[in-house]
Amino acid sequence: EVTYELAPRGKEVLLTIVHTRVQGRDATASVMAGWDVHTGILADILNGAEPRLLWRTHTKLEQEYGATL
C-alpha cells in the first residue's frame, strides 16, 4: 500500500511517499532503495541532469539501507 502527498515548499514541491505492509528486513531495504533511486532519477530529469543509473544505484543503496536496519 502506497500513498503520496505533495506539499508546496516555496518554489519547490515536497513529495512524501509512505509505503506500508512491507515485511522483512531485506524487503524493506530493497523497497527503500527502490523509492530512493526512482525519485532520484525523477529529480535528475526535472533538474536537467543526467539520470543516475538505476540498478547500480539501487544495489548500492540497498546495501546501505540493509546495513542500517
N, C-alpha and C. Protein backbone atom coordinates (compact mmCIF):
# COMPACT_ATOMS: atom_id res chain seq x y z
N GLU A 1 0.85 -1.17 0.00
CA GLU A 1 0.00 0.00 0.00
C GLU A 1 0.89 1.23 0.00
N VAL A 2 0.65 2.13 -0.95
CA VAL A 2 1.49 3.31 -1.11
C VAL A 2 0.60 4.55 -1.17
N THR A 3 0.99 5.57 -0.41
CA THR A 3 0.30 6.86 -0.50
C THR A 3 1.33 7.93 -0.85
N TYR A 4 0.87 8.95 -1.55
CA TYR A 4 1.71 10.07 -1.97
C TYR A 4 1.10 11.36 -1.45
N GLU A 5 1.94 12.30 -1.11
CA GLU A 5 1.46 13.63 -0.73
C GLU A 5 2.39 14.66 -1.35
N LEU A 6 1.81 15.68 -1.93
CA LEU A 6 2.57 16.80 -2.49
C LEU A 6 2.25 18.03 -1.66
N ALA A 7 3.30 18.77 -1.26
CA ALA A 7 3.12 19.98 -0.46
C ALA A 7 4.03 21.07 -1.00
N PRO A 8 3.50 22.28 -1.16
CA PRO A 8 4.34 23.38 -1.65
C PRO A 8 5.42 23.74 -0.65
N ARG A 9 6.60 24.02 -1.16
CA ARG A 9 7.75 24.47 -0.36
C ARG A 9 8.43 25.59 -1.11
N GLY A 10 7.84 26.79 -1.03
CA GLY A 10 8.38 27.92 -1.78
C GLY A 10 8.19 27.67 -3.27
N LYS A 11 9.29 27.71 -4.02
CA LYS A 11 9.24 27.46 -5.46
C LYS A 11 9.33 25.97 -5.79
N GLU A 12 9.46 25.15 -4.77
CA GLU A 12 9.58 23.71 -4.97
C GLU A 12 8.38 22.99 -4.39
N VAL A 13 8.35 21.67 -4.57
CA VAL A 13 7.27 20.84 -4.04
C VAL A 13 7.91 19.68 -3.28
N LEU A 14 7.39 19.41 -2.09
CA LEU A 14 7.85 18.28 -1.29
C LEU A 14 6.98 17.08 -1.62
N LEU A 15 7.59 15.99 -2.04
CA LEU A 15 6.91 14.73 -2.31
C LEU A 15 7.16 13.81 -1.14
N THR A 16 6.08 13.38 -0.48
CA THR A 16 6.19 12.43 0.62
C THR A 16 5.54 11.13 0.16
N ILE A 17 6.29 10.03 0.28
CA ILE A 17 5.80 8.72 -0.10
C ILE A 17 5.78 7.85 1.14
N VAL A 18 4.63 7.23 1.41
CA VAL A 18 4.53 6.30 2.54
C VAL A 18 4.16 4.93 1.96
N HIS A 19 5.03 3.97 2.15
CA HIS A 19 4.84 2.60 1.64
C HIS A 19 4.72 1.69 2.85
N THR A 20 3.54 1.11 3.04
CA THR A 20 3.30 0.25 4.20
C THR A 20 3.15 -1.21 3.77
N ARG A 21 3.09 -2.05 4.76
CA ARG A 21 2.90 -3.50 4.57
C ARG A 21 4.08 -4.18 3.88
N VAL A 22 5.25 -3.66 4.10
CA VAL A 22 6.47 -4.32 3.63
C VAL A 22 6.97 -5.18 4.79
N GLN A 23 7.23 -6.44 4.53
CA GLN A 23 7.61 -7.33 5.60
C GLN A 23 9.03 -7.85 5.41
N GLY A 24 9.80 -7.78 6.45
CA GLY A 24 11.15 -8.31 6.45
C GLY A 24 12.20 -7.26 6.17
N ARG A 25 13.36 -7.46 6.76
CA ARG A 25 14.48 -6.53 6.63
C ARG A 25 14.95 -6.40 5.19
N ASP A 26 15.12 -7.52 4.51
CA ASP A 26 15.63 -7.48 3.13
C ASP A 26 14.64 -6.78 2.20
N ALA A 27 13.35 -7.09 2.35
CA ALA A 27 12.34 -6.45 1.52
C ALA A 27 12.28 -4.96 1.81
N THR A 28 12.38 -4.59 3.07
CA THR A 28 12.34 -3.18 3.45
C THR A 28 13.51 -2.42 2.84
N ALA A 29 14.71 -3.00 2.92
CA ALA A 29 15.90 -2.36 2.34
C ALA A 29 15.74 -2.20 0.83
N SER A 30 15.19 -3.20 0.17
CA SER A 30 15.00 -3.15 -1.28
C SER A 30 13.98 -2.09 -1.66
N VAL A 31 12.86 -2.03 -0.92
CA VAL A 31 11.83 -1.03 -1.21
C VAL A 31 12.36 0.38 -0.96
N MET A 32 13.07 0.56 0.14
CA MET A 32 13.65 1.88 0.43
C MET A 32 14.60 2.31 -0.68
N ALA A 33 15.45 1.40 -1.11
CA ALA A 33 16.39 1.71 -2.19
C ALA A 33 15.65 2.00 -3.48
N GLY A 34 14.59 1.25 -3.75
CA GLY A 34 13.82 1.46 -4.97
C GLY A 34 13.20 2.84 -5.03
N TRP A 35 12.56 3.25 -3.93
CA TRP A 35 11.97 4.59 -3.91
C TRP A 35 13.04 5.66 -4.00
N ASP A 36 14.14 5.46 -3.31
CA ASP A 36 15.23 6.43 -3.32
C ASP A 36 15.76 6.62 -4.74
N VAL A 37 16.05 5.54 -5.42
CA VAL A 37 16.63 5.66 -6.76
C VAL A 37 15.61 6.19 -7.77
N HIS A 38 14.36 5.75 -7.69
CA HIS A 38 13.36 6.22 -8.65
C HIS A 38 13.05 7.71 -8.46
N THR A 39 12.93 8.15 -7.22
CA THR A 39 12.69 9.58 -7.00
C THR A 39 13.94 10.40 -7.33
N GLY A 40 15.11 9.80 -7.15
CA GLY A 40 16.35 10.46 -7.54
C GLY A 40 16.44 10.66 -9.03
N ILE A 41 16.02 9.65 -9.79
CA ILE A 41 16.01 9.76 -11.25
C ILE A 41 15.01 10.84 -11.67
N LEU A 42 13.84 10.86 -11.03
CA LEU A 42 12.86 11.91 -11.33
C LEU A 42 13.45 13.29 -11.06
N ALA A 43 14.11 13.46 -9.92
CA ALA A 43 14.74 14.75 -9.59
C ALA A 43 15.82 15.11 -10.61
N ASP A 44 16.62 14.12 -11.01
CA ASP A 44 17.65 14.38 -12.02
C ASP A 44 17.03 14.94 -13.30
N ILE A 45 15.98 14.28 -13.77
CA ILE A 45 15.33 14.69 -15.02
C ILE A 45 14.73 16.09 -14.87
N LEU A 46 14.04 16.33 -13.75
CA LEU A 46 13.41 17.64 -13.53
C LEU A 46 14.44 18.76 -13.42
N ASN A 47 15.64 18.43 -12.96
CA ASN A 47 16.70 19.42 -12.82
C ASN A 47 17.62 19.49 -14.02
N GLY A 48 17.30 18.75 -15.08
CA GLY A 48 18.09 18.80 -16.30
C GLY A 48 19.43 18.08 -16.21
N ALA A 49 19.57 17.19 -15.23
CA ALA A 49 20.82 16.44 -15.05
C ALA A 49 20.70 15.07 -15.71
N GLU A 50 21.84 14.48 -15.96
CA GLU A 50 21.89 13.11 -16.49
C GLU A 50 21.34 12.17 -15.40
N PRO A 51 20.30 11.37 -15.73
CA PRO A 51 19.74 10.48 -14.71
C PRO A 51 20.74 9.44 -14.23
N ARG A 52 20.74 9.22 -12.93
CA ARG A 52 21.62 8.19 -12.36
C ARG A 52 21.24 6.82 -12.90
N LEU A 53 22.16 5.89 -12.82
CA LEU A 53 21.92 4.53 -13.31
C LEU A 53 21.07 3.77 -12.30
N LEU A 54 19.96 3.21 -12.77
CA LEU A 54 19.00 2.58 -11.87
C LEU A 54 19.60 1.44 -11.07
N TRP A 55 20.05 0.38 -11.70
CA TRP A 55 20.43 -0.82 -10.95
C TRP A 55 21.72 -0.64 -10.18
N ARG A 56 22.68 0.08 -10.71
CA ARG A 56 23.92 0.32 -9.98
C ARG A 56 23.61 1.10 -8.70
N THR A 57 22.78 2.13 -8.84
CA THR A 57 22.42 2.95 -7.69
C THR A 57 21.58 2.15 -6.70
N HIS A 58 20.62 1.37 -7.21
CA HIS A 58 19.76 0.57 -6.35
C HIS A 58 20.57 -0.42 -5.52
N THR A 59 21.49 -1.11 -6.14
CA THR A 59 22.31 -2.09 -5.43
C THR A 59 23.10 -1.44 -4.30
N LYS A 60 23.71 -0.30 -4.59
CA LYS A 60 24.49 0.43 -3.57
C LYS A 60 23.59 0.86 -2.42
N LEU A 61 22.45 1.47 -2.74
CA LEU A 61 21.54 1.94 -1.70
C LEU A 61 20.94 0.79 -0.89
N GLU A 62 20.62 -0.30 -1.56
CA GLU A 62 20.05 -1.46 -0.86
C GLU A 62 21.03 -1.99 0.19
N GLN A 63 22.30 -2.03 -0.16
CA GLN A 63 23.31 -2.47 0.80
C GLN A 63 23.43 -1.48 1.97
N GLU A 64 23.39 -0.18 1.67
CA GLU A 64 23.49 0.83 2.72
C GLU A 64 22.28 0.77 3.66
N TYR A 65 21.07 0.69 3.07
CA TYR A 65 19.87 0.60 3.91
C TYR A 65 19.87 -0.68 4.72
N GLY A 66 20.27 -1.79 4.10
CA GLY A 66 20.31 -3.06 4.81
C GLY A 66 21.25 -3.04 6.00
N ALA A 67 22.35 -2.32 5.87
CA ALA A 67 23.33 -2.22 6.97
C ALA A 67 22.80 -1.39 8.13
N THR A 68 21.89 -0.47 7.85
CA THR A 68 21.39 0.42 8.92
C THR A 68 20.11 -0.08 9.57
N LEU A 69 19.43 -1.05 8.94
CA LEU A 69 18.19 -1.56 9.52
C LEU A 69 18.44 -2.51 10.69
